[in-house]
Amino acid sequence: MDTRIARSYLFVPGNRPERFDKACAASAHAVIVDLEDAVPADGKDAARAALAGWLSARQPVFIRINAAGTPWFDDDLALCGRPGVAGIVLPKAEREEDIGRLELAGAPIVLPLIESAAGFANARLLAATAPVQRLLFGTIDFRLDLGIEGDDEDALLMFRSQLVLVSRLAGLQPPVDGVSTAIDEPERLRGDTLRARALGFGGKLCIHPQQLAPVHECFRPSAADLDWARRVLDASARSGGAAVAVDGHMIDRPVIERARRIIDDAA
C-alpha cells in the first residue's frame, strides 16, 4: 500500500474474504474492508471473525467498522490495534468522543466518514481530533440525510468546498470524495473525479477495481501541466530573482509554488 497521499480507496465486502487478497493485489493506493453497509446484520459476527483471521502486517488494510451506537461497534473495536490494520474508517462520524474510543482501542489512523448533517456541522471538531488523517465524504448517505434529490452535483458544491477548507485549516491531507456508482461509465467517473480534484479533493472512494486506473489518471498531472511546471521552475532558476515571464505571464511566488506542487504530485 502506498505510504504517500492515497488517491484511491477500494472497498471490498467484509463478508467476502476470498476477495481480500484480490483487492490488495489491485492497483488501489489503499483497501477498505467494509464491515458496515456491505454486510447484513446476521453476518456481522462471521465477517468480523473472518477478517480477524486474515489480517496480516504484510498487507495492511483500512477497516470500515460499524457506526457508534450500533450493536456491533463495541465488538469491532477489538480489531483496531491488530497487526495489519492501517486505520479505521468511522461511518456516520459525528462526535469526537467516538474517535477517542478508536484511538484508545489502538487505531493508528482514523478516517471519519462525513455522511450526515450532524457530521458536517461538527467537521471542524472531528478534523482537529487525533488520530484523524483526512476526511471522507459519504455523498450518498449525505444526500439522503439532507433530503437532496437528483444527480445534480452542484447541490453538493458548498459542502465539498467546506470540507476542503476544514481539512486545510486542520492541517489534514486533502479530503476524499465519495463513490461513483456507475461502474461501466468511465467518462462519468472521469468527470466526477476531475470535478473533485478541481475543488481541492485529494482522492476518491472506489467500489470496483476497474475504477482505479481512471481515478489515478485524473489525479496525475497531465503532460502539458508537467511541461509548464518545468519551464516555470527553469525560468525562475535562471532569472536569479529578477522578474521573468513564461508564456506571456509574469512568474511570482504563488506560480512557482504551484509549479513545484505539480512536480511533487507527479512524483
Protein backbone atom coordinates (compact mmCIF):
# COMPACT_ATOMS: atom_id res chain seq x y z
CA MET A 1 0.00 0.00 0.00
CA ASP A 2 1.20 3.49 -0.86
CA THR A 3 2.62 5.40 2.10
CA ARG A 4 2.19 8.73 0.32
CA ILE A 5 -1.15 10.51 -0.08
CA ALA A 6 -3.60 7.87 -1.31
CA ARG A 7 -5.61 8.85 -4.38
CA SER A 8 -7.81 5.75 -4.41
CA TYR A 9 -9.52 3.75 -1.65
CA LEU A 10 -11.03 0.47 -2.85
CA PHE A 11 -13.92 -1.05 -0.89
CA VAL A 12 -14.15 -4.83 -0.55
CA PRO A 13 -17.10 -6.51 1.24
CA GLY A 14 -16.21 -7.80 4.69
CA ASN A 15 -18.26 -10.96 4.15
CA ARG A 16 -16.27 -11.94 1.04
CA PRO A 17 -12.87 -12.98 2.46
CA GLU A 18 -12.00 -14.70 -0.82
CA ARG A 19 -11.77 -11.20 -2.33
CA PHE A 20 -9.44 -9.67 0.26
CA ASP A 21 -6.20 -10.77 -1.39
CA LYS A 22 -7.50 -9.80 -4.84
CA ALA A 23 -8.35 -6.32 -3.60
CA CYS A 24 -4.87 -5.92 -2.13
CA ALA A 25 -3.36 -7.09 -5.42
CA ALA A 26 -5.24 -4.44 -7.39
CA SER A 27 -3.66 -1.07 -8.05
CA ALA A 28 -5.53 0.73 -5.26
CA HIS A 29 -3.45 3.02 -3.06
CA ALA A 30 -5.47 1.76 -0.08
CA VAL A 31 -8.02 -1.00 0.54
CA ILE A 32 -11.03 -0.69 2.86
CA VAL A 33 -12.58 -3.91 4.14
CA ASP A 34 -16.22 -2.98 4.72
CA LEU A 35 -17.95 -4.45 7.78
CA GLU A 36 -20.79 -1.91 7.64
CA ASP A 37 -23.01 -1.42 4.58
CA ALA A 38 -21.67 -4.44 2.69
CA VAL A 39 -22.52 -6.92 5.44
CA PRO A 40 -26.10 -7.80 6.52
CA ALA A 41 -26.93 -7.79 10.23
CA ASP A 42 -26.92 -11.56 10.55
CA GLY A 43 -23.45 -11.79 9.02
CA LYS A 44 -21.61 -9.17 11.08
CA ASP A 45 -20.01 -11.53 13.60
CA ALA A 46 -18.87 -14.02 10.97
CA ALA A 47 -17.40 -11.26 8.79
CA ARG A 48 -15.50 -9.78 11.74
CA ALA A 49 -14.11 -13.20 12.69
CA ALA A 50 -13.05 -13.94 9.10
CA LEU A 51 -11.29 -10.59 8.82
CA ALA A 52 -9.53 -11.07 12.16
CA GLY A 53 -8.19 -14.40 10.96
CA TRP A 54 -6.99 -12.94 7.65
CA LEU A 55 -5.31 -9.74 8.86
CA SER A 56 -1.56 -9.60 8.35
CA ALA A 57 1.10 -6.91 8.71
CA ARG A 58 2.30 -7.92 5.24
CA GLN A 59 -0.70 -6.27 3.58
CA PRO A 60 -2.24 -3.61 5.85
CA VAL A 61 -5.80 -2.51 5.12
CA PHE A 62 -8.28 0.01 6.45
CA ILE A 63 -11.47 -1.29 8.05
CA ARG A 64 -14.85 0.40 7.84
CA ILE A 65 -16.35 -0.68 11.13
CA ASN A 66 -19.98 -0.28 12.14
CA ALA A 67 -21.12 3.10 13.40
CA ALA A 68 -21.06 4.12 17.03
CA GLY A 69 -24.38 3.31 18.66
CA THR A 70 -24.93 0.14 16.65
CA PRO A 71 -24.91 -3.29 18.34
CA TRP A 72 -21.61 -4.18 16.62
CA PHE A 73 -19.49 -1.12 17.40
CA ASP A 74 -18.01 -2.36 20.68
CA ASP A 75 -17.02 -5.72 19.21
CA ASP A 76 -15.49 -4.01 16.16
CA LEU A 77 -13.22 -2.02 18.49
CA ALA A 78 -11.27 -5.21 19.15
CA LEU A 79 -9.88 -5.05 15.59
CA CYS A 80 -8.44 -1.52 15.88
CA GLY A 81 -5.00 -2.36 17.20
CA ARG A 82 -4.38 -5.63 15.39
CA PRO A 83 -1.34 -6.02 13.11
CA GLY A 84 -2.38 -5.37 9.54
CA VAL A 85 -4.84 -2.61 10.39
CA ALA A 86 -3.65 0.55 8.63
CA GLY A 87 -6.50 2.53 10.11
CA ILE A 88 -10.22 2.72 10.79
CA VAL A 89 -12.95 4.29 8.66
CA LEU A 90 -15.64 5.56 11.02
CA PRO A 91 -19.05 5.74 9.30
CA LYS A 92 -21.67 8.30 10.32
CA ALA A 93 -18.89 10.21 12.12
CA GLU A 94 -20.39 12.93 14.29
CA ARG A 95 -18.68 13.03 17.71
CA GLU A 96 -15.06 13.47 18.82
CA GLU A 97 -15.54 11.02 21.69
CA ASP A 98 -16.19 8.19 19.23
CA ILE A 99 -12.86 8.90 17.56
CA GLY A 100 -11.29 8.97 21.02
CA ARG A 101 -12.59 5.47 21.68
CA LEU A 102 -10.97 4.26 18.47
CA GLU A 103 -7.66 5.79 19.50
CA LEU A 104 -7.84 4.15 22.92
CA ALA A 105 -8.56 0.84 21.20
CA GLY A 106 -5.33 1.19 19.22
CA ALA A 107 -6.40 2.65 15.87
CA PRO A 108 -3.26 4.19 14.30
CA ILE A 109 -5.26 6.36 11.89
CA VAL A 110 -8.94 7.34 11.78
CA LEU A 111 -10.75 8.44 8.64
CA PRO A 112 -14.11 9.97 9.63
CA LEU A 113 -16.81 9.46 7.01
CA ILE A 114 -18.96 12.59 6.82
CA GLU A 115 -22.43 11.26 5.95
CA SER A 116 -24.91 13.40 7.90
CA ALA A 117 -25.86 16.97 8.72
CA ALA A 118 -24.53 16.48 12.26
CA GLY A 119 -21.24 15.14 10.94
CA PHE A 120 -20.85 18.08 8.59
CA ALA A 121 -21.71 20.57 11.34
CA ASN A 122 -19.02 19.02 13.57
CA ALA A 123 -16.44 18.56 10.81
CA ARG A 124 -14.01 21.09 12.30
CA LEU A 125 -14.06 19.33 15.67
CA LEU A 126 -13.62 15.93 14.05
CA ALA A 127 -10.75 17.17 11.88
CA ALA A 128 -8.94 18.50 14.94
CA THR A 129 -9.17 15.18 16.81
CA ALA A 130 -6.16 12.85 16.89
CA PRO A 131 -5.52 10.47 15.13
CA VAL A 132 -7.60 11.78 12.19
CA GLN A 133 -5.57 11.83 8.95
CA ARG A 134 -8.18 13.07 6.47
CA LEU A 135 -11.95 13.34 6.00
CA LEU A 136 -14.03 11.14 3.68
CA PHE A 137 -17.26 12.43 2.10
CA GLY A 138 -20.08 9.86 2.07
CA THR A 139 -22.13 11.59 -0.60
CA ILE A 140 -24.91 9.00 -0.97
CA ASP A 141 -25.89 8.88 2.71
CA PHE A 142 -25.31 12.63 2.99
CA ARG A 143 -27.84 13.31 0.24
CA LEU A 144 -30.32 11.01 1.96
CA ASP A 145 -29.89 12.67 5.35
CA LEU A 146 -30.40 16.16 3.95
CA GLY A 147 -33.16 15.22 1.51
CA ILE A 148 -31.11 16.28 -1.53
CA GLU A 149 -32.65 14.56 -4.54
CA GLY A 150 -31.45 14.01 -8.09
CA ASP A 151 -27.95 13.79 -9.54
CA ASP A 152 -27.12 17.49 -9.71
CA GLU A 153 -23.58 17.68 -8.30
CA ASP A 154 -23.89 21.43 -7.82
CA ALA A 155 -26.20 20.64 -4.89
CA LEU A 156 -23.13 19.38 -3.00
CA LEU A 157 -20.76 22.14 -4.14
CA MET A 158 -20.89 24.15 -0.92
CA PHE A 159 -20.46 21.07 1.26
CA ARG A 160 -17.47 19.81 -0.74
CA SER A 161 -15.76 23.20 -0.61
CA GLN A 162 -16.31 23.43 3.13
CA LEU A 163 -14.71 20.02 3.71
CA VAL A 164 -11.68 21.15 1.70
CA LEU A 165 -11.47 24.32 3.80
CA VAL A 166 -11.89 22.47 7.09
CA SER A 167 -9.18 19.99 6.11
CA ARG A 168 -6.75 22.76 5.19
CA LEU A 169 -7.35 24.65 8.43
CA ALA A 170 -6.77 21.47 10.45
CA GLY A 171 -3.58 20.62 8.57
CA LEU A 172 -5.02 17.35 7.28
CA GLN A 173 -4.43 15.67 3.96
CA PRO A 174 -6.99 16.80 1.33
CA PRO A 175 -10.38 15.10 1.76
CA VAL A 176 -11.54 12.06 -0.20
CA ASP A 177 -14.63 12.28 -2.41
CA GLY A 178 -17.48 9.77 -2.36
CA VAL A 179 -18.09 6.83 -4.68
CA SER A 180 -19.32 6.96 -8.24
CA THR A 181 -21.88 4.18 -8.51
CA ALA A 182 -21.74 3.87 -12.32
CA ILE A 183 -19.11 1.16 -12.82
CA ASP A 184 -19.36 0.93 -16.61
CA GLU A 185 -19.40 4.67 -17.35
CA PRO A 186 -15.73 5.72 -17.42
CA GLU A 187 -16.47 9.20 -18.74
CA ARG A 188 -18.86 9.89 -15.89
CA LEU A 189 -16.28 8.62 -13.42
CA ARG A 190 -13.66 10.80 -15.05
CA GLY A 191 -15.95 13.83 -14.80
CA ASP A 192 -16.71 13.13 -11.14
CA THR A 193 -13.02 12.76 -10.31
CA LEU A 194 -11.85 15.83 -12.21
CA ARG A 195 -14.56 17.90 -10.51
CA ALA A 196 -13.45 16.68 -7.10
CA ARG A 197 -9.81 17.41 -7.89
CA ALA A 198 -10.64 20.91 -9.14
CA LEU A 199 -12.41 21.62 -5.84
CA GLY A 200 -9.36 20.57 -3.82
CA PHE A 201 -10.09 16.92 -3.01
CA GLY A 202 -7.10 14.62 -2.94
CA GLY A 203 -8.62 11.19 -3.50
CA LYS A 204 -11.72 9.16 -4.28
CA LEU A 205 -13.57 6.18 -2.85
CA CYS A 206 -13.94 3.34 -5.35
CA ILE A 207 -16.28 0.36 -5.44
CA HIS A 208 -14.69 -1.66 -8.25
CA PRO A 209 -11.10 -2.32 -9.39
CA GLN A 210 -11.81 -1.04 -12.90
CA GLN A 211 -12.43 2.42 -11.43
CA LEU A 212 -8.85 2.68 -10.16
CA ALA A 213 -6.98 3.47 -13.38
CA PRO A 214 -9.27 6.37 -14.40
CA VAL A 215 -9.11 7.82 -10.88
CA HIS A 216 -5.31 7.66 -10.82
CA GLU A 217 -5.12 9.23 -14.27
CA CYS A 218 -7.35 12.12 -13.24
CA PHE A 219 -5.24 12.91 -10.18
CA ARG A 220 -1.98 12.62 -12.12
CA PRO A 221 -0.69 15.91 -13.65
CA SER A 222 -1.02 15.92 -17.42
CA ALA A 223 1.95 16.09 -19.77
CA ALA A 224 1.04 19.69 -20.54
CA ASP A 225 0.93 20.55 -16.82
CA LEU A 226 4.35 18.98 -16.27
CA ASP A 227 5.85 20.77 -19.25
CA TRP A 228 4.54 24.11 -17.96
CA ALA A 229 5.78 23.44 -14.42
CA ARG A 230 9.28 22.52 -15.62
CA ARG A 231 9.51 25.63 -17.77
CA VAL A 232 8.35 27.81 -14.88
CA LEU A 233 10.92 26.36 -12.48
CA ASP A 234 13.66 26.55 -15.09
CA ALA A 235 12.86 30.18 -15.89
CA SER A 236 12.76 31.02 -12.19
CA ALA A 237 16.13 29.36 -11.57
CA ARG A 238 17.74 31.21 -14.47
CA SER A 239 16.27 34.59 -13.51
CA GLY A 240 18.39 34.99 -10.39
CA GLY A 241 15.43 36.53 -8.60
CA ALA A 242 14.61 39.04 -11.33
CA ALA A 243 11.15 39.38 -12.84
CA VAL A 244 10.56 36.86 -15.61
CA ALA A 245 7.65 35.72 -17.78
CA VAL A 246 6.57 32.32 -19.12
CA ASP A 247 4.01 32.10 -21.92
CA GLY A 248 3.47 35.84 -21.61
CA HIS A 249 2.60 35.70 -17.91
CA MET A 250 4.73 37.04 -15.06
CA ILE A 251 6.02 34.47 -12.59
CA ASP A 252 5.59 35.24 -8.91
CA ARG A 253 5.88 33.15 -5.76
CA PRO A 254 2.37 31.51 -5.91
CA VAL A 255 3.00 30.49 -9.54
CA ILE A 256 6.37 28.97 -8.61
CA GLU A 257 4.81 27.11 -5.67
CA ARG A 258 2.07 25.75 -7.94
CA ALA A 259 4.71 24.50 -10.37
CA ARG A 260 6.58 22.77 -7.55
CA ARG A 261 3.36 21.15 -6.35
CA ILE A 262 2.70 19.77 -9.84
CA ILE A 263 6.18 18.23 -9.95
CA ASP A 264 5.69 16.76 -6.47
CA ASP A 265 2.29 15.33 -7.43
CA ALA A 266 3.81 13.68 -10.48
CA ALA A 267 6.48 12.09 -8.31
